[in-house]
Amino acid sequence: MLADEPTGNLDGATGAQIIELLFTLAAEKNATLVLITHDMELAGRCQRQIQIADGLIQQDTRSGPPTQTTRSAVPLRVLPSPPEPGSPAESAR
C-alpha cells in the first residue's frame, strides 16, 4: 500500500483514524505499507525510515527487523520541503 501524506488535509481525529486503519490493513493483509510523510512522530511508528533530499537517499534507518506476519512500513521523509511557488528560494532554482 502506498500512502502519500495521508493525513495532510485532515483534522487530527480523522487523521489518527486513517493512520490506524492503514497500519491495521497492512498487518491483516501481510502487506508492505509505504508512507510518505513529514510527520516525524508518525515516521517513528515505522520499522524503517528513509530520508531523501534532492532525489538522493540521505539516511536509511531500521528500528527492528520485520516479522513473519508483518512487513515493514517505510515512510519517506523528503528534506527539505520544496520552496513555495514565487518565493526567492524557488526563483534561485
PDB file of N, CA and C in Angstrom:
ATOM      1  N   MET A   1       0.848  -1.159   0.000  1.00  0.00           N
ATOM      2  CA  MET A   1       0.000   0.000   0.000  1.00  0.00           C
ATOM      3  C   MET A   1       0.902   1.232   0.000  1.00  0.00           C
ATOM      4  N   LEU A   2       0.488   2.239  -0.732  1.00  0.00           N
ATOM      5  CA  LEU A   2       1.234   3.492  -0.818  1.00  0.00           C
ATOM      6  C   LEU A   2       0.356   4.614  -0.302  1.00  0.00           C
ATOM      7  N   ALA A   3       0.856   5.366   0.682  1.00  0.00           N
ATOM      8  CA  ALA A   3       0.107   6.474   1.265  1.00  0.00           C
ATOM      9  C   ALA A   3       1.002   7.714   1.261  1.00  0.00           C
ATOM     10  N   ASP A   4       0.700   8.659   0.395  1.00  0.00           N
ATOM     11  CA  ASP A   4       1.483   9.889   0.261  1.00  0.00           C
ATOM     12  C   ASP A   4       0.805  10.989   1.068  1.00  0.00           C
ATOM     13  N   GLU A   5       1.409  11.353   2.204  1.00  0.00           N
ATOM     14  CA  GLU A   5       0.849  12.358   3.125  1.00  0.00           C
ATOM     15  C   GLU A   5      -0.639  12.078   3.382  1.00  0.00           C
ATOM     16  N   PRO A   6      -0.968  10.891   3.910  1.00  0.00           N
ATOM     17  CA  PRO A   6      -2.372  10.500   4.037  1.00  0.00           C
ATOM     18  C   PRO A   6      -3.195  11.355   4.997  1.00  0.00           C
ATOM     19  N   THR A   7      -2.551  12.108   5.871  1.00  0.00           N
ATOM     20  CA  THR A   7      -3.305  12.914   6.838  1.00  0.00           C
ATOM     21  C   THR A   7      -3.163  14.405   6.583  1.00  0.00           C
ATOM     22  N   GLY A   8      -2.517  14.777   5.494  1.00  0.00           N
ATOM     23  CA  GLY A   8      -2.182  16.172   5.228  1.00  0.00           C
ATOM     24  C   GLY A   8      -3.339  17.154   5.273  1.00  0.00           C
ATOM     25  N   ASN A   9      -4.506  16.770   4.808  1.00  0.00           N
ATOM     26  CA  ASN A   9      -5.648  17.690   4.754  1.00  0.00           C
ATOM     27  C   ASN A   9      -6.769  17.294   5.711  1.00  0.00           C
ATOM     28  N   LEU A  10      -6.426  16.507   6.723  1.00  0.00           N
ATOM     29  CA  LEU A  10      -7.445  16.009   7.647  1.00  0.00           C
ATOM     30  C   LEU A  10      -7.282  16.636   9.029  1.00  0.00           C
ATOM     31  N   ASP A  11      -8.391  16.696   9.776  1.00  0.00           N
ATOM     32  CA  ASP A  11      -8.282  17.119  11.174  1.00  0.00           C
ATOM     33  C   ASP A  11      -7.593  16.002  11.952  1.00  0.00           C
ATOM     34  N   GLY A  12      -7.123  16.311  13.153  1.00  0.00           N
ATOM     35  CA  GLY A  12      -6.337  15.366  13.941  1.00  0.00           C
ATOM     36  C   GLY A  12      -7.028  14.047  14.219  1.00  0.00           C
ATOM     37  N   ALA A  13      -8.297  14.098  14.605  1.00  0.00           N
ATOM     38  CA  ALA A  13      -9.030  12.872  14.945  1.00  0.00           C
ATOM     39  C   ALA A  13      -9.214  11.976  13.726  1.00  0.00           C
ATOM     40  N   THR A  14      -9.589  12.567  12.613  1.00  0.00           N
ATOM     41  CA  THR A  14      -9.785  11.774  11.389  1.00  0.00           C
ATOM     42  C   THR A  14      -8.455  11.232  10.897  1.00  0.00           C
ATOM     43  N   GLY A  15      -7.413  12.055  10.959  1.00  0.00           N
ATOM     44  CA  GLY A  15      -6.086  11.606  10.556  1.00  0.00           C
ATOM     45  C   GLY A  15      -5.615  10.405  11.361  1.00  0.00           C
ATOM     46  N   ALA A  16      -5.838  10.446  12.680  1.00  0.00           N
ATOM     47  CA  ALA A  16      -5.446   9.331  13.541  1.00  0.00           C
ATOM     48  C   ALA A  16      -6.206   8.060  13.162  1.00  0.00           C
ATOM     49  N   GLN A  17      -7.483   8.187  12.830  1.00  0.00           N
ATOM     50  CA  GLN A  17      -8.270   7.022  12.412  1.00  0.00           C
ATOM     51  C   GLN A  17      -7.739   6.436  11.114  1.00  0.00           C
ATOM     52  N   ILE A  18      -7.389   7.300  10.172  1.00  0.00           N
ATOM     53  CA  ILE A  18      -6.860   6.828   8.885  1.00  0.00           C
ATOM     54  C   ILE A  18      -5.531   6.104   9.083  1.00  0.00           C
ATOM     55  N   ILE A  19      -4.653   6.655   9.920  1.00  0.00           N
ATOM     56  CA  ILE A  19      -3.360   6.017  10.173  1.00  0.00           C
ATOM     57  C   ILE A  19      -3.560   4.646  10.809  1.00  0.00           C
ATOM     58  N   GLU A  20      -4.432   4.561  11.796  1.00  0.00           N
ATOM     59  CA  GLU A  20      -4.698   3.265  12.434  1.00  0.00           C
ATOM     60  C   GLU A  20      -5.245   2.273  11.417  1.00  0.00           C
ATOM     61  N   LEU A  21      -6.134   2.730  10.544  1.00  0.00           N
ATOM     62  CA  LEU A  21      -6.692   1.866   9.504  1.00  0.00           C
ATOM     63  C   LEU A  21      -5.591   1.352   8.572  1.00  0.00           C
ATOM     64  N   LEU A  22      -4.678   2.228   8.164  1.00  0.00           N
ATOM     65  CA  LEU A  22      -3.585   1.817   7.273  1.00  0.00           C
ATOM     66  C   LEU A  22      -2.695   0.763   7.924  1.00  0.00           C
ATOM     67  N   PHE A  23      -2.291   1.001   9.184  1.00  0.00           N
ATOM     68  CA  PHE A  23      -1.432   0.030   9.871  1.00  0.00           C
ATOM     69  C   PHE A  23      -2.170  -1.287  10.095  1.00  0.00           C
ATOM     70  N   THR A  24      -3.450  -1.223  10.443  1.00  0.00           N
ATOM     71  CA  THR A  24      -4.242  -2.429  10.666  1.00  0.00           C
ATOM     72  C   THR A  24      -4.383  -3.235   9.374  1.00  0.00           C
ATOM     73  N   LEU A  25      -4.721  -2.568   8.278  1.00  0.00           N
ATOM     74  CA  LEU A  25      -4.857  -3.268   6.991  1.00  0.00           C
ATOM     75  C   LEU A  25      -3.545  -3.896   6.555  1.00  0.00           C
ATOM     76  N   ALA A  26      -2.447  -3.173   6.729  1.00  0.00           N
ATOM     77  CA  ALA A  26      -1.142  -3.717   6.351  1.00  0.00           C
ATOM     78  C   ALA A  26      -0.847  -4.987   7.140  1.00  0.00           C
ATOM     79  N   ALA A  27      -1.134  -4.979   8.436  1.00  0.00           N
ATOM     80  CA  ALA A  27      -0.885  -6.155   9.266  1.00  0.00           C
ATOM     81  C   ALA A  27      -1.818  -7.307   8.892  1.00  0.00           C
ATOM     82  N   GLU A  28      -3.107  -7.011   8.713  1.00  0.00           N
ATOM     83  CA  GLU A  28      -4.086  -8.062   8.393  1.00  0.00           C
ATOM     84  C   GLU A  28      -3.820  -8.712   7.043  1.00  0.00           C
ATOM     85  N   LYS A  29      -3.383  -7.922   6.083  1.00  0.00           N
ATOM     86  CA  LYS A  29      -3.158  -8.430   4.726  1.00  0.00           C
ATOM     87  C   LYS A  29      -1.713  -8.848   4.484  1.00  0.00           C
ATOM     88  N   ASN A  30      -0.876  -8.734   5.539  1.00  0.00           N
ATOM     89  CA  ASN A  30       0.552  -9.031   5.416  1.00  0.00           C
ATOM     90  C   ASN A  30       1.148  -8.257   4.237  1.00  0.00           C
ATOM     91  N   ALA A  31       0.825  -6.978   4.193  1.00  0.00           N
ATOM     92  CA  ALA A  31       1.241  -6.118   3.088  1.00  0.00           C
ATOM     93  C   ALA A  31       2.275  -5.099   3.561  1.00  0.00           C
ATOM     94  N   THR A  32       3.068  -4.623   2.644  1.00  0.00           N
ATOM     95  CA  THR A  32       4.005  -3.539   2.935  1.00  0.00           C
ATOM     96  C   THR A  32       3.259  -2.221   2.833  1.00  0.00           C
ATOM     97  N   LEU A  33       3.478  -1.359   3.796  1.00  0.00           N
ATOM     98  CA  LEU A  33       2.903  -0.024   3.794  1.00  0.00           C
ATOM     99  C   LEU A  33       4.030   0.976   3.590  1.00  0.00           C
ATOM    100  N   VAL A  34       3.958   1.728   2.514  1.00  0.00           N
ATOM    101  CA  VAL A  34       4.928   2.786   2.240  1.00  0.00           C
ATOM    102  C   VAL A  34       4.234   4.105   2.545  1.00  0.00           C
ATOM    103  N   LEU A  35       4.742   4.817   3.554  1.00  0.00           N
ATOM    104  CA  LEU A  35       4.180   6.095   3.985  1.00  0.00           C
ATOM    105  C   LEU A  35       5.139   7.215   3.608  1.00  0.00           C
ATOM    106  N   ILE A  36       4.652   8.197   2.908  1.00  0.00           N
ATOM    107  CA  ILE A  36       5.434   9.392   2.634  1.00  0.00           C
ATOM    108  C   ILE A  36       4.905  10.460   3.572  1.00  0.00           C
ATOM    109  N   THR A  37       5.779  10.999   4.437  1.00  0.00           N
ATOM    110  CA  THR A  37       5.316  11.938   5.449  1.00  0.00           C
ATOM    111  C   THR A  37       6.427  12.885   5.876  1.00  0.00           C
ATOM    112  N   HIS A  38       6.021  14.043   6.370  1.00  0.00           N
ATOM    113  CA  HIS A  38       6.934  14.980   7.026  1.00  0.00           C
ATOM    114  C   HIS A  38       6.718  14.923   8.533  1.00  0.00           C
ATOM    115  N   ASP A  39       5.794  14.087   8.990  1.00  0.00           N
ATOM    116  CA  ASP A  39       5.445  13.950  10.405  1.00  0.00           C
ATOM    117  C   ASP A  39       6.416  12.971  11.066  1.00  0.00           C
ATOM    118  N   MET A  40       7.352  13.492  11.829  1.00  0.00           N
ATOM    119  CA  MET A  40       8.383  12.651  12.433  1.00  0.00           C
ATOM    120  C   MET A  40       7.804  11.681  13.470  1.00  0.00           C
ATOM    121  N   GLU A  41       6.740  12.072  14.165  1.00  0.00           N
ATOM    122  CA  GLU A  41       6.105  11.175  15.129  1.00  0.00           C
ATOM    123  C   GLU A  41       5.498   9.977  14.407  1.00  0.00           C
ATOM    124  N   LEU A  42       4.829  10.223  13.300  1.00  0.00           N
ATOM    125  CA  LEU A  42       4.263   9.132  12.507  1.00  0.00           C
ATOM    126  C   LEU A  42       5.376   8.254  11.947  1.00  0.00           C
ATOM    127  N   ALA A  43       6.405   8.864  11.426  1.00  0.00           N
ATOM    128  CA  ALA A  43       7.529   8.095  10.884  1.00  0.00           C
ATOM    129  C   ALA A  43       8.153   7.206  11.952  1.00  0.00           C
ATOM    130  N   GLY A  44       8.166   7.688  13.191  1.00  0.00           N
ATOM    131  CA  GLY A  44       8.735   6.921  14.280  1.00  0.00           C
ATOM    132  C   GLY A  44       7.993   5.636  14.593  1.00  0.00           C
ATOM    133  N   ARG A  45       6.764   5.516  14.137  1.00  0.00           N
ATOM    134  CA  ARG A  45       5.984   4.289  14.341  1.00  0.00           C
ATOM    135  C   ARG A  45       6.391   3.175  13.378  1.00  0.00           C
ATOM    136  N   CYS A  46       7.177   3.512  12.392  1.00  0.00           N
ATOM    137  CA  CYS A  46       7.524   2.558  11.337  1.00  0.00           C
ATOM    138  C   CYS A  46       8.840   1.853  11.646  1.00  0.00           C
ATOM    139  N   GLN A  47       8.988   0.659  11.100  1.00  0.00           N
ATOM    140  CA  GLN A  47      10.190  -0.138  11.325  1.00  0.00           C
ATOM    141  C   GLN A  47      11.379   0.363  10.512  1.00  0.00           C
ATOM    142  N   ARG A  48      11.111   1.090   9.466  1.00  0.00           N
ATOM    143  CA  ARG A  48      12.196   1.578   8.617  1.00  0.00           C
ATOM    144  C   ARG A  48      11.865   2.986   8.165  1.00  0.00           C
ATOM    145  N   GLN A  49      12.885   3.848   8.161  1.00  0.00           N
ATOM    146  CA  GLN A  49      12.720   5.230   7.728  1.00  0.00           C
ATOM    147  C   GLN A  49      13.809   5.551   6.719  1.00  0.00           C
ATOM    148  N   ILE A  50      13.392   6.095   5.592  1.00  0.00           N
ATOM    149  CA  ILE A  50      14.341   6.501   4.556  1.00  0.00           C
ATOM    150  C   ILE A  50      14.165   7.995   4.344  1.00  0.00           C
ATOM    151  N   GLN A  51      15.239   8.742   4.532  1.00  0.00           N
ATOM    152  CA  GLN A  51      15.197  10.187   4.319  1.00  0.00           C
ATOM    153  C   GLN A  51      15.801  10.481   2.943  1.00  0.00           C
ATOM    154  N   ILE A  52      15.077  11.289   2.160  1.00  0.00           N
ATOM    155  CA  ILE A  52      15.512  11.640   0.811  1.00  0.00           C
ATOM    156  C   ILE A  52      15.600  13.149   0.706  1.00  0.00           C
ATOM    157  N   ALA A  53      16.679  13.640   0.129  1.00  0.00           N
ATOM    158  CA  ALA A  53      16.828  15.067  -0.151  1.00  0.00           C
ATOM    159  C   ALA A  53      17.438  15.209  -1.539  1.00  0.00           C
ATOM    160  N   ASP A  54      16.889  16.095  -2.310  1.00  0.00           N
ATOM    161  CA  ASP A  54      17.374  16.338  -3.676  1.00  0.00           C
ATOM    162  C   ASP A  54      17.449  15.055  -4.492  1.00  0.00           C
ATOM    163  N   GLY A  55      16.483  14.166  -4.274  1.00  0.00           N
ATOM    164  CA  GLY A  55      16.405  12.937  -5.050  1.00  0.00           C
ATOM    165  C   GLY A  55      17.382  11.852  -4.633  1.00  0.00           C
ATOM    166  N   LEU A  56      18.134  12.052  -3.557  1.00  0.00           N
ATOM    167  CA  LEU A  56      19.122  11.077  -3.108  1.00  0.00           C
ATOM    168  C   LEU A  56      18.800  10.606  -1.695  1.00  0.00           C
ATOM    169  N   ILE A  57      19.043   9.320  -1.427  1.00  0.00           N
ATOM    170  CA  ILE A  57      18.852   8.793  -0.084  1.00  0.00           C
ATOM    171  C   ILE A  57      19.927   9.368   0.819  1.00  0.00           C
ATOM    172  N   GLN A  58      19.505  10.051   1.878  1.00  0.00           N
ATOM    173  CA  GLN A  58      20.425  10.651   2.834  1.00  0.00           C
ATOM    174  C   GLN A  58      20.643   9.748   4.046  1.00  0.00           C
ATOM    175  N   GLN A  59      19.600   9.008   4.424  1.00  0.00           N
ATOM    176  CA  GLN A  59      19.684   8.147   5.597  1.00  0.00           C
ATOM    177  C   GLN A  59      18.671   7.029   5.463  1.00  0.00           C
ATOM    178  N   ASP A  60      19.063   5.825   5.884  1.00  0.00           N
ATOM    179  CA  ASP A  60      18.190   4.657   5.884  1.00  0.00           C
ATOM    180  C   ASP A  60      18.315   4.018   7.258  1.00  0.00           C
ATOM    181  N   THR A  61      17.259   4.133   8.069  1.00  0.00           N
ATOM    182  CA  THR A  61      17.295   3.686   9.457  1.00  0.00           C
ATOM    183  C   THR A  61      16.282   2.585   9.670  1.00  0.00           C
ATOM    184  N   ARG A  62      16.691   1.538  10.359  1.00  0.00           N
ATOM    185  CA  ARG A  62      15.788   0.441  10.716  1.00  0.00           C
ATOM    186  C   ARG A  62      15.713   0.367  12.231  1.00  0.00           C
ATOM    187  N   SER A  63      14.476   0.291  12.741  1.00  0.00           N
ATOM    188  CA  SER A  63      14.306   0.220  14.186  1.00  0.00           C
ATOM    189  C   SER A  63      14.060  -1.203  14.659  1.00  0.00           C
ATOM    190  N   GLY A  64      14.008  -2.141  13.771  1.00  0.00           N
ATOM    191  CA  GLY A  64      13.797  -3.540  14.125  1.00  0.00           C
ATOM    192  C   GLY A  64      13.483  -4.335  12.888  1.00  0.00           C
ATOM    193  N   PRO A  65      13.768  -5.623  12.925  1.00  0.00           N
ATOM    194  CA  PRO A  65      13.501  -6.449  11.742  1.00  0.00           C
ATOM    195  C   PRO A  65      12.005  -6.678  11.557  1.00  0.00           C
ATOM    196  N   PRO A  66      11.547  -6.770  10.304  1.00  0.00           N
ATOM    197  CA  PRO A  66      10.141  -7.111  10.078  1.00  0.00           C
ATOM    198  C   PRO A  66       9.886  -8.527  10.578  1.00  0.00           C
ATOM    199  N   THR A  67       8.668  -8.774  11.008  1.00  0.00           N
ATOM    200  CA  THR A  67       8.315 -10.114  11.480  1.00  0.00           C
ATOM    201  C   THR A  67       7.753 -10.932  10.332  1.00  0.00           C
ATOM    202  N   GLN A  68       7.497 -12.191  10.587  1.00  0.00           N
ATOM    203  CA  GLN A  68       6.909 -13.059   9.573  1.00  0.00           C
ATOM    204  C   GLN A  68       5.503 -12.616   9.201  1.00  0.00           C
ATOM    205  N   THR A  69       4.763 -12.070  10.153  1.00  0.00           N
ATOM    206  CA  THR A  69       3.370 -11.737   9.881  1.00  0.00           C
ATOM    207  C   THR A  69       3.174 -10.292   9.453  1.00  0.00           C
ATOM    208  N   THR A  70       4.181  -9.435   9.667  1.00  0.00           N
ATOM    209  CA  THR A  70       4.036  -8.026   9.307  1.00  0.00           C
ATOM    210  C   THR A  70       5.299  -7.558   8.600  1.00  0.00           C
ATOM    211  N   ARG A  71       5.136  -7.032   7.432  1.00  0.00           N
ATOM    212  CA  ARG A  71       6.269  -6.448   6.729  1.00  0.00           C
ATOM    213  C   ARG A  71       6.464  -5.028   7.218  1.00  0.00           C
ATOM    214  N   SER A  72       7.617  -4.468   6.906  1.00  0.00           N
ATOM    215  CA  SER A  72       7.910  -3.143   7.448  1.00  0.00           C
ATOM    216  C   SER A  72       7.140  -2.054   6.722  1.00  0.00           C
ATOM    217  N   ALA A  73       6.764  -1.025   7.468  1.00  0.00           N
ATOM    218  CA  ALA A  73       6.199   0.189   6.887  1.00  0.00           C
ATOM    219  C   ALA A  73       7.366   1.132   6.643  1.00  0.00           C
ATOM    220  N   VAL A  74       7.403   1.766   5.502  1.00  0.00           N
ATOM    221  CA  VAL A  74       8.542   2.591   5.115  1.00  0.00           C
ATOM    222  C   VAL A  74       8.085   4.013   4.836  1.00  0.00           C
ATOM    223  N   PRO A  75       8.305   4.931   5.770  1.00  0.00           N
ATOM    224  CA  PRO A  75       7.990   6.326   5.463  1.00  0.00           C
ATOM    225  C   PRO A  75       9.142   6.969   4.719  1.00  0.00           C
ATOM    226  N   LEU A  76       8.851   7.770   3.745  1.00  0.00           N
ATOM    227  CA  LEU A  76       9.873   8.543   3.050  1.00  0.00           C
ATOM    228  C   LEU A  76       9.746   9.976   3.511  1.00  0.00           C
ATOM    229  N   ARG A  77      10.783  10.479   4.107  1.00  0.00           N
ATOM    230  CA  ARG A  77      10.769  11.854   4.592  1.00  0.00           C
ATOM    231  C   ARG A  77      11.634  12.673   3.652  1.00  0.00           C
ATOM    232  N   VAL A  78      11.039  13.577   2.929  1.00  0.00           N
ATOM    233  CA  VAL A  78      11.750  14.401   1.968  1.00  0.00           C
ATOM    234  C   VAL A  78      12.168  15.672   2.676  1.00  0.00           C
ATOM    235  N   LEU A  79      13.465  15.883   2.792  1.00  0.00           N
ATOM    236  CA  LEU A  79      14.009  17.050   3.471  1.00  0.00           C
ATOM    237  C   LEU A  79      14.930  17.801   2.526  1.00  0.00           C
ATOM    238  N   PRO A  80      14.897  19.038   2.387  1.00  0.00           N
ATOM    239  CA  PRO A  80      13.900  19.952   2.930  1.00  0.00           C
ATOM    240  C   PRO A  80      12.665  19.987   2.041  1.00  0.00           C
ATOM    241  N   SER A  81      11.621  20.625   2.540  1.00  0.00           N
ATOM    242  CA  SER A  81      10.410  20.788   1.748  1.00  0.00           C
ATOM    243  C   SER A  81      10.716  21.701   0.572  1.00  0.00           C
ATOM    244  N   PRO A  82      10.042  21.490  -0.560  1.00  0.00           N
ATOM    245  CA  PRO A  82      10.287  22.366  -1.714  1.00  0.00           C
ATOM    246  C   PRO A  82       9.857  23.799  -1.409  1.00  0.00           C
ATOM    247  N   PRO A  83      10.529  24.778  -2.018  1.00  0.00           N
ATOM    248  CA  PRO A  83      10.142  26.170  -1.793  1.00  0.00           C
ATOM    249  C   PRO A  83       8.760  26.466  -2.356  1.00  0.00           C
ATOM    250  N   GLU A  84       8.100  27.420  -1.748  1.00  0.00           N
ATOM    251  CA  GLU A  84       6.788  27.837  -2.212  1.00  0.00           C
ATOM    252  C   GLU A  84       6.920  28.504  -3.592  1.00  0.00           C
ATOM    253  N   PRO A  85       5.952  28.295  -4.480  1.00  0.00           N
ATOM    254  CA  PRO A  85       5.995  28.965  -5.796  1.00  0.00           C
ATOM    255  C   PRO A  85       6.075  30.478  -5.620  1.00  0.00           C
ATOM    256  N   GLY A  86       6.977  31.079  -6.371  1.00  0.00           N
ATOM    257  CA  GLY A  86       7.131  32.522  -6.336  1.00  0.00           C
ATOM    258  C   GLY A  86       8.049  33.018  -5.240  1.00  0.00           C
ATOM    259  N   SER A  87       8.538  32.116  -4.361  1.00  0.00           N
ATOM    260  CA  SER A  87       9.428  32.558  -3.282  1.00  0.00           C
ATOM    261  C   SER A  87      10.830  32.789  -3.829  1.00  0.00           C
ATOM    262  N   PRO A  88      11.652  33.578  -3.125  1.00  0.00           N
ATOM    263  CA  PRO A  88      13.021  33.814  -3.590  1.00  0.00           C
ATOM    264  C   PRO A  88      13.809  32.518  -3.758  1.00  0.00           C
ATOM    265  N   ALA A  89      13.588  31.544  -2.856  1.00  0.00           N
ATOM    266  CA  ALA A  89      14.297  30.279  -2.966  1.00  0.00           C
ATOM    267  C   ALA A  89      13.895  29.515  -4.223  1.00  0.00           C
ATOM    268  N   GLU A  90      12.620  29.618  -4.601  1.00  0.00           N
ATOM    269  CA  GLU A  90      12.149  28.934  -5.795  1.00  0.00           C
ATOM    270  C   GLU A  90      12.711  29.598  -7.035  1.00  0.00           C
ATOM    271  N   SER A  91      12.846  30.911  -7.018  1.00  0.00           N
ATOM    272  CA  SER A  91      13.405  31.650  -8.160  1.00  0.00           C
ATOM    273  C   SER A  91      14.855  31.321  -8.379  1.00  0.00           C
ATOM    274  N   ALA A  92      15.579  30.970  -7.294  1.00  0.00           N
ATOM    275  CA  ALA A  92      17.005  30.663  -7.400  1.00  0.00           C
ATOM    276  C   ALA A  92      17.271  29.306  -8.001  1.00  0.00           C
ATOM    277  N   ARG A  93      16.242  28.472  -8.071  1.00  0.00           N
ATOM    278  CA  ARG A  93      16.403  27.125  -8.614  1.00  0.00           C
ATOM    279  C   ARG A  93      16.615  27.210 -10.054  1.00  0.00           C
TER     280      ARG A  93
END
